[in-house]
Protein backbone atom coordinates (compact mmCIF):
# COMPACT_ATOMS: atom_id res chain seq x y z
CA MET A 1 9.88 -6.01 -14.86
CA GLU A 2 6.81 -8.14 -14.21
CA ASP A 3 6.41 -11.67 -15.64
CA ALA A 4 2.61 -11.38 -15.80
CA PHE A 5 -0.19 -8.81 -15.68
CA ILE A 6 -3.73 -8.85 -14.36
CA ALA A 7 -6.34 -7.85 -16.93
CA SER A 8 -9.39 -5.77 -16.00
CA ASP A 9 -11.51 -8.95 -16.09
CA GLY A 10 -9.24 -10.56 -13.45
CA LYS A 11 -7.40 -12.91 -15.81
CA ILE A 12 -3.64 -13.22 -15.53
CA ILE A 13 -1.75 -12.62 -18.77
CA ALA A 14 1.80 -13.99 -19.08
CA LYS A 15 4.31 -11.53 -20.46
CA LYS A 16 5.47 -14.17 -22.99
CA ASP A 17 1.93 -14.33 -24.44
CA ILE A 18 1.84 -10.64 -25.32
CA LYS A 19 2.53 -10.00 -28.97
CA LYS A 20 4.11 -6.89 -30.44
CA GLY A 21 1.40 -4.34 -31.19
CA ASP A 22 -1.04 -5.70 -28.54
CA THR A 23 -2.68 -3.04 -26.40
CA ILE A 24 -2.58 -3.70 -22.68
CA LYS A 25 -4.50 -1.81 -20.04
CA ILE A 26 -3.08 -2.27 -16.54
CA ASP A 27 -5.18 -1.52 -13.47
CA LEU A 28 -2.60 -0.28 -10.96
CA LYS A 29 -5.02 -0.71 -8.05
CA ASN A 30 -5.50 -4.41 -8.82
CA LEU A 31 -1.76 -4.81 -9.41
CA SER A 32 -1.00 -3.35 -5.97
CA ILE A 33 -3.52 -5.70 -4.33
CA ALA A 34 -2.12 -8.68 -6.28
CA ARG A 35 1.42 -7.89 -5.09
CA GLU A 36 0.32 -7.75 -1.45
CA LEU A 37 -1.55 -11.06 -1.83
CA GLU A 38 1.53 -12.64 -3.42
CA ARG A 39 3.76 -11.44 -0.57
CA GLY A 40 1.34 -13.01 1.91
CA LYS A 41 0.50 -9.69 3.53
CA LEU A 42 -3.22 -10.00 2.75
CA LYS A 43 -5.48 -13.01 3.10
CA PRO A 44 -8.27 -12.93 0.47
CA GLY A 45 -10.69 -14.96 2.62
CA GLU A 46 -10.65 -12.39 5.40
CA GLU A 47 -13.81 -10.33 5.97
CA GLY A 48 -13.83 -6.85 4.50
CA GLU A 49 -13.14 -5.11 1.22
CA MET A 50 -9.59 -4.98 -0.11
CA ALA A 51 -8.56 -1.46 -0.99
CA VAL A 52 -5.65 0.73 -2.04
CA VAL A 53 -5.52 3.86 0.12
CA THR A 54 -3.54 7.00 -0.72
CA LEU A 55 -2.56 9.21 2.22
CA PRO A 56 -1.04 12.69 2.34
CA GLU A 57 2.61 12.69 3.45
CA TRP A 58 1.88 14.31 6.84
CA LEU A 59 -0.68 11.64 7.74
CA ALA A 60 1.50 8.78 6.49
CA THR A 61 4.40 10.07 8.60
CA ASN A 62 2.15 10.56 11.63
CA LYS A 63 0.81 6.98 11.40
CA GLY A 64 4.16 5.42 10.43
CA LEU A 65 2.87 4.31 7.03
CA SER A 66 3.81 4.82 3.40
CA SER A 67 1.79 7.26 1.29
CA GLU A 68 0.07 4.36 -0.52
CA ILE A 69 -1.09 1.32 1.42
CA VAL A 70 -3.00 -1.84 0.57
CA GLY A 71 -5.24 -3.39 3.19
CA ILE A 72 -8.64 -4.71 4.17
CA ILE A 73 -11.33 -2.28 5.32
CA LYS A 74 -12.65 -3.80 8.55
CA LYS A 75 -15.04 -1.03 9.68
CA GLU A 76 -16.35 2.27 8.37
CA THR A 77 -18.02 5.26 10.01
CA LYS A 78 -19.19 8.54 8.49
CA LYS A 79 -15.78 10.08 9.10
CA ALA A 80 -13.22 7.27 9.15
CA ILE A 81 -12.24 3.78 8.07
CA LEU A 82 -10.49 1.05 10.03
CA ILE A 83 -8.04 -0.68 7.73
CA LYS A 84 -6.05 -3.83 8.48
CA LEU A 85 -2.46 -3.87 7.27
CA GLU A 86 -0.76 -7.21 7.86
CA GLN A 87 -1.12 -7.59 11.66
CA ASP A 88 -1.97 -3.95 12.50
CA GLU A 89 -5.25 -2.06 12.28
CA VAL A 90 -5.33 1.71 11.91
CA TRP A 91 -8.11 4.31 11.77
CA LEU A 92 -7.83 6.84 8.92
CA PRO A 93 -9.97 9.97 8.41
CA LYS A 94 -11.99 9.84 5.18
CA SER A 95 -11.55 13.58 4.66
CA GLU A 96 -7.78 13.13 4.21
CA ILE A 97 -7.49 9.93 2.15
CA LEU A 98 -8.38 8.52 -1.25
CA VAL A 99 -9.82 4.98 -1.15
CA GLN A 100 -9.93 2.73 -4.21
CA GLN A 101 -11.86 -0.44 -3.41
CA LYS A 102 -11.57 -3.58 -5.47
């Protein structure tokens, strides 16, 4: 269970401040990015757009990745993106992935 949530406006809401009956909308993309930032796997000052990328299983297996990754888009062509994941950079074909940028 999480101790806090990120609201759609970027504010952090403590779990203890949520009252019974309150409606909460959680942006899973922002939550995934926040977790990676907290773990120190992403550096927010680095150049590029932070994004959550969903890959098909065959591509994830081929590249040695999980089916959902969080990284920084370093370069983009018509057909592919170069995404930085911790210390590694990997090219991914746009036709096979779903990119959700922050």
